[in-house]
C-alpha atoms as a PDB file:
ATOM      1  CA  MET A   1      48.488 272.200 114.030  1.00  0.00           C
ATOM      2  CA  ARG A   2      48.406 269.146 116.144  1.00  0.00           C
ATOM      3  CA  HIS A   3      51.825 267.905 116.681  1.00  0.00           C
ATOM      4  CA  GLU A   4      50.906 264.279 115.653  1.00  0.00           C
ATOM      5  CA  ARG A   5      50.732 265.761 111.870  1.00  0.00           C
ATOM      6  CA  HIS A   6      54.109 267.520 111.916  1.00  0.00           C
ATOM      7  CA  TYR A   7      55.079 264.956 109.137  1.00  0.00           C
ATOM      8  CA  LEU A   8      52.746 266.919 106.698  1.00  0.00           C
ATOM      9  CA  THR A   9      55.255 269.528 106.534  1.00  0.00           C
ATOM     10  CA  PHE A  10      58.113 267.057 105.825  1.00  0.00           C
ATOM     11  CA  PRO A  11      56.564 264.410 103.615  1.00  0.00           C
ATOM     12  CA  PHE A  12      59.848 262.356 103.602  1.00  0.00           C
ATOM     13  CA  ILE A  13      59.227 261.410 107.044  1.00  0.00           C
ATOM     14  CA  ALA A  14      56.125 259.257 106.124  1.00  0.00           C
ATOM     15  CA  LEU A  15      58.945 257.172 104.786  1.00  0.00           C
ATOM     16  CA  PHE A  16      59.735 256.079 108.233  1.00  0.00           C
ATOM     17  CA  LEU A  17      56.198 255.403 109.452  1.00  0.00           C
ATOM     18  CA  LYS A  18      55.588 251.707 110.510  1.00  0.00           C
ATOM     19  CA  ARG A  19      52.393 250.284 108.777  1.00  0.00           C
ATOM     20  CA  GLY A  20      50.521 247.317 108.642  1.00  0.00           C
ATOM     21  CA  ILE A  21      47.173 245.680 108.115  1.00  0.00           C
ATOM     22  CA  TYR A  22      45.116 243.988 111.430  1.00  0.00           C
ATOM     23  CA  LEU A  23      42.439 241.409 111.176  1.00  0.00           C
ATOM     24  CA  VAL A  24      40.689 239.201 113.529  1.00  0.00           C
ATOM     25  CA  ALA A  25      39.718 235.731 112.951  1.00  0.00           C
ATOM     26  CA  ASN A  26      39.228 232.070 113.746  1.00  0.00           C
ATOM     27  CA  ARG A  27      38.488 228.715 112.271  1.00  0.00           C
ATOM     28  CA  ARG A  28      34.764 229.797 111.713  1.00  0.00           C
ATOM     29  CA  SER A  29      36.073 232.480 109.506  1.00  0.00           C
ATOM     30  CA  GLU A  30      39.266 231.148 108.024  1.00  0.00           C
ATOM     31  CA  SER A  31      37.733 230.688 104.583  1.00  0.00           C
ATOM     32  CA  LEU A  32      37.186 234.353 104.477  1.00  0.00           C
ATOM     33  CA  CYS A  33      39.885 235.276 105.720  1.00  0.00           C
ATOM     34  CA  ALA A  34      42.238 233.124 103.271  1.00  0.00           C
ATOM     35  CA  ASN A  35      40.230 234.803 100.642  1.00  0.00           C
ATOM     36  CA  LEU A  36      41.088 238.330 102.312  1.00  0.00           C
ATOM     37  CA  ILE A  37      44.584 237.608 102.339  1.00  0.00           C
ATOM     38  CA  TYR A  38      44.779 236.184  98.563  1.00  0.00           C
ATOM     39  CA  SER A  39      43.436 239.241  97.317  1.00  0.00           C
ATOM     40  CA  ILE A  40      45.375 241.645  99.241  1.00  0.00           C
ATOM     41  CA  ARG A  41      48.537 240.143  97.918  1.00  0.00           C
ATOM     42  CA  SER A  42      47.298 239.426  94.465  1.00  0.00           C
ATOM     43  CA  SER A  43      46.819 243.090  94.474  1.00  0.00           C
ATOM     44  CA  GLY A  44      50.283 243.758  94.788  1.00  0.00           C
ATOM     45  CA  CYS A  45      50.149 244.839  98.522  1.00  0.00           C
ATOM     46  CA  GLN A  46      53.063 243.668 100.712  1.00  0.00           C
ATOM     47  CA  LEU A  47      52.137 245.287 103.730  1.00  0.00           C
ATOM     48  CA  PRO A  48      52.791 243.201 106.922  1.00  0.00           C
ATOM     49  CA  ILE A  49      49.418 241.469 108.279  1.00  0.00           C
ATOM     50  CA  ARG A  50      48.910 240.844 111.729  1.00  0.00           C
ATOM     51  CA  LEU A  51      46.353 238.391 112.824  1.00  0.00           C
ATOM     52  CA  ILE A  52      44.501 238.666 116.143  1.00  0.00           C
ATOM     53  CA  PRO A  53      42.761 235.550 117.379  1.00  0.00           C
ATOM     54  CA  PHE A  54      39.014 235.890 117.672  1.00  0.00           C
ATOM     55  CA  GLY A  55      38.912 233.087 120.374  1.00  0.00           C
ATOM     56  CA  GLY A  56      37.823 229.608 119.508  1.00  0.00           C
ATOM     57  CA  PRO A  57      39.320 226.958 117.736  1.00  0.00           C
ATOM     58  CA  PRO A  58      42.171 228.725 115.867  1.00  0.00           C
ATOM     59  CA  VAL A  59      42.890 229.299 111.946  1.00  0.00           C
ATOM     60  CA  ARG A  60      44.763 226.349 110.682  1.00  0.00           C
ATOM     61  CA  SER A  61      44.794 227.687 106.960  1.00  0.00           C
ATOM     62  CA  SER A  62      48.197 227.360 105.410  1.00  0.00           C
ATOM     63  CA  LEU A  63      47.415 230.308 103.114  1.00  0.00           C
ATOM     64  CA  VAL A  64      46.503 232.536 106.124  1.00  0.00           C
ATOM     65  CA  LEU A  65      49.495 231.207 108.564  1.00  0.00           C
ATOM     66  CA  GLU A  66      51.969 231.674 105.530  1.00  0.00           C
ATOM     67  CA  ASN A  67      51.129 235.051 105.247  1.00  0.00           C
ATOM     68  CA  VAL A  68      50.102 236.635 108.472  1.00  0.00           C
ATOM     69  CA  GLU A  69      52.226 237.194 112.081  1.00  0.00           C
ATOM     70  CA  LEU A  70      49.985 235.668 114.667  1.00  0.00           C
ATOM     71  CA  VAL A  71      49.425 238.022 117.678  1.00  0.00           C
ATOM     72  CA  ASN A  72      49.335 236.580 121.320  1.00  0.00           C
ATOM     73  CA  VAL A  73      46.275 238.775 122.900  1.00  0.00           C
ATOM     74  CA  ARG A  74      47.987 238.410 126.257  1.00  0.00           C
ATOM     75  CA  ASP A  75      51.176 240.275 124.997  1.00  0.00           C
ATOM     76  CA  PHE A  76      49.249 243.432 124.661  1.00  0.00           C
ATOM     77  CA  SER A  77      49.659 245.998 127.614  1.00  0.00           C
ATOM     78  CA  SER A  78      47.536 245.747 130.809  1.00  0.00           C
ATOM     79  CA  GLU A  79      46.040 249.255 129.577  1.00  0.00           C
ATOM     80  CA  ALA A  80      45.132 247.520 126.386  1.00  0.00           C
ATOM     81  CA  HIS A  81      43.249 244.806 128.149  1.00  0.00           C
ATOM     82  CA  GLN A  82      41.348 247.219 130.442  1.00  0.00           C
ATOM     83  CA  PHE A  83      40.637 249.136 127.570  1.00  0.00           C
ATOM     84  CA  VAL A  84      38.830 246.046 125.939  1.00  0.00           C
ATOM     85  CA  ASP A  85      37.140 245.096 129.566  1.00  0.00           C
ATOM     86  CA  GLY A  86      35.614 248.645 129.405  1.00  0.00           C
ATOM     87  CA  LEU A  87      34.358 248.027 125.879  1.00  0.00           C
ATOM     88  CA  GLN A  88      32.699 244.866 126.858  1.00  0.00           C
ATOM     89  CA  SER A  89      30.926 246.428 129.773  1.00  0.00           C
ATOM     90  CA  ALA A  90      29.703 249.369 127.388  1.00  0.00           C
ATOM     91  CA  LEU A  91      28.824 247.464 124.294  1.00  0.00           C
ATOM     92  CA  THR A  92      26.523 244.352 125.643  1.00  0.00           C
ATOM     93  CA  GLY A  93      25.383 243.540 122.288  1.00  0.00           C
ATOM     94  CA  CYS A  94      28.982 242.855 120.974  1.00  0.00           C
ATOM     95  CA  PRO A  95      30.675 239.531 121.463  1.00  0.00           C
ATOM     96  CA  ARG A  96      34.567 240.048 122.925  1.00  0.00           C
ATOM     97  CA  GLY A  97      36.072 238.931 120.019  1.00  0.00           C
ATOM     98  CA  PHE A  98      34.843 241.840 117.569  1.00  0.00           C
ATOM     99  CA  LEU A  99      36.133 244.253 120.298  1.00  0.00           C
ATOM    100  CA  LEU A 100      39.627 242.896 119.858  1.00  0.00           C
ATOM    101  CA  ARG A 101      40.055 245.010 116.598  1.00  0.00           C
ATOM    102  CA  PHE A 102      40.499 247.670 119.028  1.00  0.00           C
ATOM    103  CA  LEU A 103      44.251 246.414 120.034  1.00  0.00           C
ATOM    104  CA  SER A 104      45.334 247.735 117.126  1.00  0.00           C
ATOM    105  CA  TRP A 105      45.706 251.083 118.799  1.00  0.00           C
ATOM    106  CA  PHE A 106      47.726 249.560 121.361  1.00  0.00           C
ATOM    107  CA  GLY A 107      50.414 247.906 118.640  1.00  0.00           C
ATOM    108  CA  ASP A 108      53.626 249.442 117.552  1.00  0.00           C
ATOM    109  CA  TRP A 109      52.403 250.518 113.891  1.00  0.00           C
ATOM    110  CA  ASP A 110      52.111 254.213 113.639  1.00  0.00           C
ATOM    111  CA  GLU A 111      49.424 254.010 110.899  1.00  0.00           C
ATOM    112  CA  PHE A 112      47.076 250.740 110.021  1.00  0.00           C
ATOM    113  CA  ILE A 113      44.443 249.287 108.311  1.00  0.00           C
ATOM    114  CA  TYR A 114      41.921 247.273 110.191  1.00  0.00           C
ATOM    115  CA  THR A 115      39.722 244.840 107.893  1.00  0.00           C
ATOM    116  CA  ASP A 116      37.069 242.336 108.690  1.00  0.00           C
ATOM    117  CA  ASN A 117      37.088 239.200 106.922  1.00  0.00           C
ATOM    118  CA  ASP A 118      34.144 239.478 104.378  1.00  0.00           C
ATOM    119  CA  ILE A 119      36.211 241.418 102.347  1.00  0.00           C
ATOM    120  CA  VAL A 120      37.909 241.225  98.842  1.00  0.00           C
ATOM    121  CA  ALA A 121      40.618 243.862  98.054  1.00  0.00           C
ATOM    122  CA  LEU A 122      40.222 245.232  94.726  1.00  0.00           C
ATOM    123  CA  MET A 123      43.444 247.697  94.854  1.00  0.00           C
ATOM    124  CA  ASN A 124      46.924 247.605  96.453  1.00  0.00           C
ATOM    125  CA  TRP A 125      45.899 248.860  99.994  1.00  0.00           C
ATOM    126  CA  GLU A 126      49.353 250.425 100.198  1.00  0.00           C
ATOM    127  CA  ARG A 127      48.256 253.512  98.194  1.00  0.00           C
ATOM    128  CA  LEU A 128      45.346 254.280 100.454  1.00  0.00           C
ATOM    129  CA  PHE A 129      47.961 255.598 102.985  1.00  0.00           C
ATOM    130  CA  GLU A 130      48.389 258.630 100.665  1.00  0.00           C
ATOM    131  CA  PHE A 131      44.960 260.128 102.170  1.00  0.00           C
ATOM    132  CA  LEU A 132      45.759 259.774 105.738  1.00  0.00           C
ATOM    133  CA  PRO A 133      48.175 262.655 106.302  1.00  0.00           C
ATOM    134  CA  GLY A 134      45.959 265.246 107.708  1.00  0.00           C
ATOM    135  CA  TYR A 135      43.039 262.780 109.025  1.00  0.00           C
ATOM    136  CA  ASP A 136      42.395 260.809 111.969  1.00  0.00           C
ATOM    137  CA  ILE A 137      40.411 258.211 110.269  1.00  0.00           C
ATOM    138  CA  VAL A 138      40.104 257.221 106.286  1.00  0.00           C
ATOM    139  CA  HIS A 139      37.489 254.938 104.976  1.00  0.00           C
ATOM    140  CA  GLY A 140      35.355 254.379 101.959  1.00  0.00           C
ATOM    141  CA  ASP A 141      31.746 253.362 102.635  1.00  0.00           C
ATOM    142  CA  GLU A 142      28.176 254.717 102.233  1.00  0.00           C
ATOM    143  CA  GLU A 143      26.999 253.955 105.743  1.00  0.00           C
ATOM    144  CA  TYR A 144      26.473 257.658 106.120  1.00  0.00           C
ATOM    145  CA  THR A 145      23.540 257.038 103.668  1.00  0.00           C
ATOM    146  CA  THR A 146      21.749 255.004 106.434  1.00  0.00           C
ATOM    147  CA  HIS A 147      20.371 257.515 108.424  1.00  0.00           C
ATOM    148  CA  GLY A 148      22.043 256.109 111.696  1.00  0.00           C
ATOM    149  CA  ARG A 149      19.331 253.367 111.710  1.00  0.00           C
ATOM    150  CA  PHE A 150      22.116 250.442 111.977  1.00  0.00           C
ATOM    151  CA  ASN A 151      23.936 252.481 114.491  1.00  0.00           C
ATOM    152  CA  TYR A 152      21.352 253.994 116.705  1.00  0.00           C
ATOM    153  CA  ASP A 153      17.686 252.995 118.177  1.00  0.00           C
ATOM    154  CA  GLN A 154      17.225 256.740 118.279  1.00  0.00           C
ATOM    155  CA  PRO A 155      18.991 258.157 115.720  1.00  0.00           C
ATOM    156  CA  GLU A 156      17.342 261.469 116.013  1.00  0.00           C
ATOM    157  CA  ALA A 157      18.663 261.862 119.446  1.00  0.00           C
ATOM    158  CA  ILE A 158      22.043 262.239 117.700  1.00  0.00           C
ATOM    159  CA  GLU A 159      21.332 265.023 115.833  1.00  0.00           C
ATOM    160  CA  THR A 160      19.338 266.628 118.712  1.00  0.00           C
ATOM    161  CA  MET A 161      22.716 266.368 120.544  1.00  0.00           C
ATOM    162  CA  PHE A 162      25.384 266.897 118.321  1.00  0.00           C
ATOM    163  CA  GLY A 163      23.758 268.911 115.591  1.00  0.00           C
ATOM    164  CA  ALA A 164      22.206 268.446 111.992  1.00  0.00           C
ATOM    165  CA  GLY A 165      24.329 266.752 109.619  1.00  0.00           C
ATOM    166  CA  SER A 166      26.109 264.382 112.694  1.00  0.00           C
ATOM    167  CA  LEU A 167      24.810 261.401 111.034  1.00  0.00           C
ATOM    168  CA  LEU A 168      26.587 261.875 107.842  1.00  0.00           C
ATOM    169  CA  SER A 169      29.905 261.077 109.516  1.00  0.00           C
ATOM    170  CA  ALA A 170      29.323 257.780 110.136  1.00  0.00           C
ATOM    171  CA  PHE A 171      31.538 254.799 108.970  1.00  0.00           C
ATOM    172  CA  THR A 172      31.635 251.231 108.860  1.00  0.00           C
ATOM    173  CA  ALA A 173      33.726 249.687 111.699  1.00  0.00           C
ATOM    174  CA  GLY A 174      35.113 246.811 109.026  1.00  0.00           C
ATOM    175  CA  HIS A 175      37.604 248.595 107.074  1.00  0.00           C
ATOM    176  CA  PHE A 176      39.372 251.877 107.960  1.00  0.00           C
ATOM    177  CA  LEU A 177      42.816 253.462 108.108  1.00  0.00           C
ATOM    178  CA  ALA A 178      43.660 255.018 111.414  1.00  0.00           C
ATOM    179  CA  ARG A 179      46.871 256.470 113.205  1.00  0.00           C
ATOM    180  CA  ARG A 180      47.913 255.376 116.346  1.00  0.00           C
ATOM    181  CA  ASP A 181      46.946 258.239 118.559  1.00  0.00           C
ATOM    182  CA  GLU A 182      46.393 258.444 122.636  1.00  0.00           C
ATOM    183  CA  ARG A 183      43.846 261.211 121.722  1.00  0.00           C
ATOM    184  CA  LEU A 184      41.693 258.571 119.749  1.00  0.00           C
ATOM    185  CA  VAL A 185      41.924 256.233 122.522  1.00  0.00           C
ATOM    186  CA  ASN A 186      40.951 258.892 125.154  1.00  0.00           C
ATOM    187  CA  ASP A 187      37.907 259.629 123.265  1.00  0.00           C
ATOM    188  CA  MET A 188      36.792 256.141 122.673  1.00  0.00           C
ATOM    189  CA  ARG A 189      36.982 256.090 126.610  1.00  0.00           C
ATOM    190  CA  LEU A 190      34.495 259.187 126.798  1.00  0.00           C
ATOM    191  CA  ALA A 191      32.691 257.314 124.438  1.00  0.00           C
ATOM    192  CA  MET A 192      32.117 254.415 126.456  1.00  0.00           C
ATOM    193  CA  GLY A 193      31.238 256.528 129.274  1.00  0.00           C
ATOM    194  CA  TRP A 194      28.479 258.247 127.050  1.00  0.00           C
ATOM    195  CA  PHE A 195      26.994 254.978 126.148  1.00  0.00           C
ATOM    196  CA  ARG A 196      26.237 254.175 129.926  1.00  0.00           C
ATOM    197  CA  GLU A 197      24.761 257.730 130.297  1.00  0.00           C
ATOM    198  CA  HIS A 198      22.224 257.222 127.255  1.00  0.00           C
ATOM    199  CA  PRO A 199      21.514 253.679 127.051  1.00  0.00           C
ATOM    200  CA  ALA A 200      18.284 253.807 125.064  1.00  0.00           C
ATOM    201  CA  ILE A 201      19.922 255.633 122.011  1.00  0.00           C
ATOM    202  CA  PRO A 202      22.767 253.594 120.801  1.00  0.00           C
ATOM    203  CA  LYS A 203      23.114 249.942 119.512  1.00  0.00           C
ATOM    204  CA  LYS A 204      25.787 248.224 121.958  1.00  0.00           C
ATOM    205  CA  HIS A 205      27.939 247.517 119.231  1.00  0.00           C
ATOM    206  CA  ASP A 206      31.589 248.684 118.087  1.00  0.00           C
ATOM    207  CA  GLN A 207      30.564 250.716 115.076  1.00  0.00           C
ATOM    208  CA  ALA A 208      28.279 253.046 116.794  1.00  0.00           C
ATOM    209  CA  LEU A 209      30.715 253.622 119.528  1.00  0.00           C
ATOM    210  CA  LEU A 210      33.419 254.524 116.977  1.00  0.00           C
ATOM    211  CA  HIS A 211      30.836 257.149 115.661  1.00  0.00           C
ATOM    212  CA  VAL A 212      30.085 258.561 119.130  1.00  0.00           C
ATOM    213  CA  ALA A 213      33.847 259.092 119.588  1.00  0.00           C
ATOM    214  CA  LEU A 214      34.267 260.615 116.289  1.00  0.00           C
ATOM    215  CA  LEU A 215      31.418 263.110 117.290  1.00  0.00           C
ATOM    216  CA  LEU A 216      32.885 263.758 120.696  1.00  0.00           C
ATOM    217  CA  GLY A 217      36.453 264.220 119.917  1.00  0.00           C
ATOM    218  CA  GLN A 218      35.586 265.964 116.664  1.00  0.00           C
ATOM    219  CA  TRP A 219      37.771 263.611 114.385  1.00  0.00           C
ATOM    220  CA  LYS A 220      39.035 264.605 111.306  1.00  0.00           C
ATOM    221  CA  ILE A 221      37.927 261.860 108.670  1.00  0.00           C
ATOM    222  CA  LEU A 222      38.086 261.523 105.065  1.00  0.00           C
ATOM    223  CA  ASN A 223      35.245 259.479 103.036  1.00  0.00           C
ATOM    224  CA  LEU A 224      36.591 258.572  99.699  1.00  0.00           C
ATOM    225  CA  CYS A 225      33.015 257.685  98.649  1.00  0.00           C
ATOM    226  CA  LYS A 226      31.907 261.558  99.137  1.00  0.00           C
ATOM    227  CA  PRO A 227      33.082 264.500  96.683  1.00  0.00           C
ATOM    228  CA  PRO A 228      35.362 265.199  95.473  1.00  0.00           C
ATOM    229  CA  HIS A 229      36.668 261.673  95.435  1.00  0.00           C
ATOM    230  CA  ASN A 230      33.374 260.092  94.408  1.00  0.00           C
ATOM    231  CA  TRP A 231      34.723 256.459  94.783  1.00  0.00           C
ATOM    232  CA  LEU A 232      32.343 253.495  94.277  1.00  0.00           C
ATOM    233  CA  SER A 233      30.250 252.116  97.161  1.00  0.00           C
ATOM    234  CA  PRO A 234      32.191 248.882  98.473  1.00  0.00           C
ATOM    235  CA  TRP A 235      28.810 247.348  99.608  1.00  0.00           C
ATOM    236  CA  ALA A 236      28.505 244.125  97.450  1.00  0.00           C
ATOM    237  CA  GLY A 237      24.824 244.478  97.874  1.00  0.00           C
ATOM    238  CA  ASP A 238      24.748 247.551  95.726  1.00  0.00           C
ATOM    239  CA  TYR A 239      25.583 245.134  92.610  1.00  0.00           C
ATOM    240  CA  PRO A 240      23.187 242.512  90.813  1.00  0.00           C
ATOM    241  CA  HIS A 241      26.112 240.860  89.639  1.00  0.00           C
ATOM    242  CA  THR A 242      29.942 241.234  89.108  1.00  0.00           C
ATOM    243  CA  LEU A 243      29.316 242.785  85.819  1.00  0.00           C
ATOM    244  CA  ALA A 244      27.727 245.521  87.306  1.00  0.00           C
ATOM    245  CA  LEU A 245      30.631 246.194  89.025  1.00  0.00           C
ATOM    246  CA  ALA A 246      33.181 245.691  86.473  1.00  0.00           C
ATOM    247  CA  GLN A 247      30.879 248.023  84.075  1.00  0.00           C
ATOM    248  CA  ALA A 248      30.874 250.944  87.040  1.00  0.00           C
ATOM    249  CA  MET A 249      34.512 250.551  87.088  1.00  0.00           C
ATOM    250  CA  SER A 250      34.998 251.060  83.284  1.00  0.00           C
ATOM    251  CA  GLY A 251      34.717 254.617  83.842  1.00  0.00           C
ATOM    252  CA  GLY A 252      37.619 255.013  85.537  1.00  0.00           C
ATOM    253  CA  ALA A 253      35.681 255.111  88.967  1.00  0.00           C
ATOM    254  CA  ARG A 254      37.926 253.895  91.776  1.00  0.00           C
ATOM    255  CA  ILE A 255      37.190 251.499  94.563  1.00  0.00           C
ATOM    256  CA  SER A 256      39.204 250.015  97.372  1.00  0.00           C
ATOM    257  CA  HIS A 257      37.036 246.721  97.954  1.00  0.00           C
ATOM    258  CA  VAL A 258      34.163 244.855  98.441  1.00  0.00           C
ATOM    259  CA  HIS A 259      32.417 243.829 101.586  1.00  0.00           C
ATOM    260  CA  TYR A 260      29.783 241.255 102.146  1.00  0.00           C
ATOM    261  CA  SER A 261      28.849 242.975 105.559  1.00  0.00           C
ATOM    262  CA  GLY A 262      28.210 239.768 108.073  1.00  0.00           C
ATOM    263  CA  GLY A 263      28.448 236.393 108.241  1.00  0.00           C
ATOM    264  CA  PRO A 264      29.063 233.538 105.961  1.00  0.00           C
ATOM    265  CA  VAL A 265      28.879 234.414 102.065  1.00  0.00           C
ATOM    266  CA  ARG A 266      26.394 232.259 100.717  1.00  0.00           C
ATOM    267  CA  LEU A 267      27.626 231.365  96.628  1.00  0.00           C
ATOM    268  CA  SER A 268      24.259 231.333  95.301  1.00  0.00           C
ATOM    269  CA  LEU A 269      24.160 235.248  96.149  1.00  0.00           C
ATOM    270  CA  PRO A 270      25.440 237.924  93.648  1.00  0.00           C
ATOM    271  CA  MET A 271      28.936 239.048  93.947  1.00  0.00           C
ATOM    272  CA  ALA A 272      29.861 235.785  95.579  1.00  0.00           C
ATOM    273  CA  ASP A 273      32.288 234.579  93.102  1.00  0.00           C
ATOM    274  CA  LEU A 274      34.759 237.358  94.378  1.00  0.00           C
ATOM    275  CA  ALA A 275      34.552 235.550  97.884  1.00  0.00           C
ATOM    276  CA  THR A 276      35.837 232.366  96.158  1.00  0.00           C
ATOM    277  CA  ALA A 277      38.960 233.615  94.365  1.00  0.00           C
ATOM    278  CA  CYS A 278      41.685 231.880  96.224  1.00  0.00           C
ATOM    279  CA  LEU A 279      39.870 228.503  95.539  1.00  0.00           C
ATOM    280  CA  SER A 280      40.721 225.870  93.378  1.00  0.00           C
ATOM    281  CA  PRO A 281      38.077 225.173  90.446  1.00  0.00           C
ATOM    282  CA  HIS A 282      37.080 221.961  91.849  1.00  0.00           C
ATOM    283  CA  ARG A 283      37.015 223.488  95.484  1.00  0.00           C
ATOM    284  CA  ARG A 284      34.852 226.175  94.095  1.00  0.00           C
ATOM    285  CA  LEU A 285      32.764 223.847  92.297  1.00  0.00           C
ATOM    286  CA  ALA A 286      32.170 221.611  95.397  1.00  0.00           C
ATOM    287  CA  GLY A 287      31.222 224.945  97.140  1.00  0.00           C
ATOM    288  CA  TYR A 288      28.629 225.391  94.590  1.00  0.00           C
ATOM    289  CA  MET A 289      27.352 222.182  94.952  1.00  0.00           C
ATOM    290  CA  ALA A 290      26.807 222.221  98.421  1.00  0.00           C
ATOM    291  CA  THR A 291      25.069 225.603  98.550  1.00  0.00           C
ATOM    292  CA  GLY A 292      22.804 224.255  95.597  1.00  0.00           C
ATOM    293  CA  CYS A 293      21.811 221.533  97.606  1.00  0.00           C
ATOM    294  CA  ALA A 294      21.049 223.631 100.627  1.00  0.00           C
ATOM    295  CA  GLU A 295      19.132 226.114  98.636  1.00  0.00           C
ATOM    296  CA  PHE A 296      17.011 223.418  96.913  1.00  0.00           C
ATOM    297  CA  SER A 297      16.255 221.542 100.261  1.00  0.00           C
ATOM    298  CA  GLY A 298      14.908 224.637 101.927  1.00  0.00           C
ATOM    299  CA  TRP A 299      17.453 224.325 104.343  1.00  0.00           C
ATOM    300  CA  TYR A 300      18.750 228.106 104.508  1.00  0.00           C
ATOM    301  CA  ARG A 301      15.151 229.044 104.838  1.00  0.00           C
ATOM    302  CA  ALA A 302      14.430 226.725 107.495  1.00  0.00           C
ATOM    303  CA  ARG A 303      17.603 227.961 109.465  1.00  0.00           C
ATOM    304  CA  HIS A 304      16.232 231.631 109.041  1.00  0.00           C
ATOM    305  CA  ILE A 305      13.337 230.707 110.480  1.00  0.00           C
ATOM    306  CA  LEU A 306      14.603 228.769 113.589  1.00  0.00           C
ATOM    307  CA  ARG A 307      16.888 231.657 114.348  1.00  0.00           C
ATOM    308  CA  ARG A 308      14.295 234.143 114.260  1.00  0.00           C
ATOM    309  CA  LEU A 309      12.163 232.004 116.740  1.00  0.00           C
ATOM    310  CA  ARG A 310      15.141 231.430 119.007  1.00  0.00           C
ATOM    311  CA  ALA A 311      15.677 235.254 119.173  1.00  0.00           C
ATOM    312  CA  ARG A 312      12.291 236.014 119.997  1.00  0.00           C
ATOM    313  CA  CYS A 313      11.677 232.984 122.150  1.00  0.00           C
ATOM    314  CA  LEU A 314      14.974 232.885 124.411  1.00  0.00           C
ATOM    315  CA  PRO A 315      14.247 236.339 126.511  1.00  0.00           C
ATOM    316  CA  LYS A 316      11.445 234.484 127.644  1.00  0.00           C
ATOM    317  CA  TRP A 317      12.766 231.485 129.060  1.00  0.00           C
END
């Protein structure tokens, strides 16, 4: 048994572990961040929350600032900064702000949850730590059903190198529980080297690197969406509307959160009402009106076309 799991023999030791929630945000994501924090607290979770600034204009929301400890990135060790620098050189497709989530492994909490902002808590996340003893990572998502297409340009090469079924251990980097462990950090350093040695195989983002580190280090992980737990998928796109989610939960199935997976949540989309839970009726109505105007004017469609054109043309300039 590894030394870091000795507290399994003495369950009372878990009472003395320092735990908390890390998130990364700035002004651009503060509305989602505020709703995330509102959902965490209204679910009964009292874990401390630390906010690592993403960069750019800082968060101003009073709801956020009253519930978090603002972290100064400069207060982390030189080792932590060197680690993020290494990530940035290996993950060329990932903005540095996204990589600041890895500072969670250099804090002073023994166990932690990292969560993206585009998430709504549906239970008390303190209860999730009951599953962590004996594991390096605990998560609940269905990334494993995507066959690696979001993590790799050549997903078949992963199974050739690491064995059949290796893609089934992938997890979403947007929400997970982990232990602060130097062994995991060293495995992620090995993964950076692997990225440089095999540049054609992975997509250059943090989620792919976490999976490669998992494979190299043979991390022990628990996915609550797999048997025997069979929790519901957290991806909002799996539900046509909130009623479908409520009906899925009515039979006793469990779910820890809803994840909107990237970018601002358009209020015209299914399940978007959960992302506005912290708003007053007046502000929610104003949001729906603004979204409706953008939808009917064709603004969203035009913006999508412009972004695709820019993505295609910029490399040629």
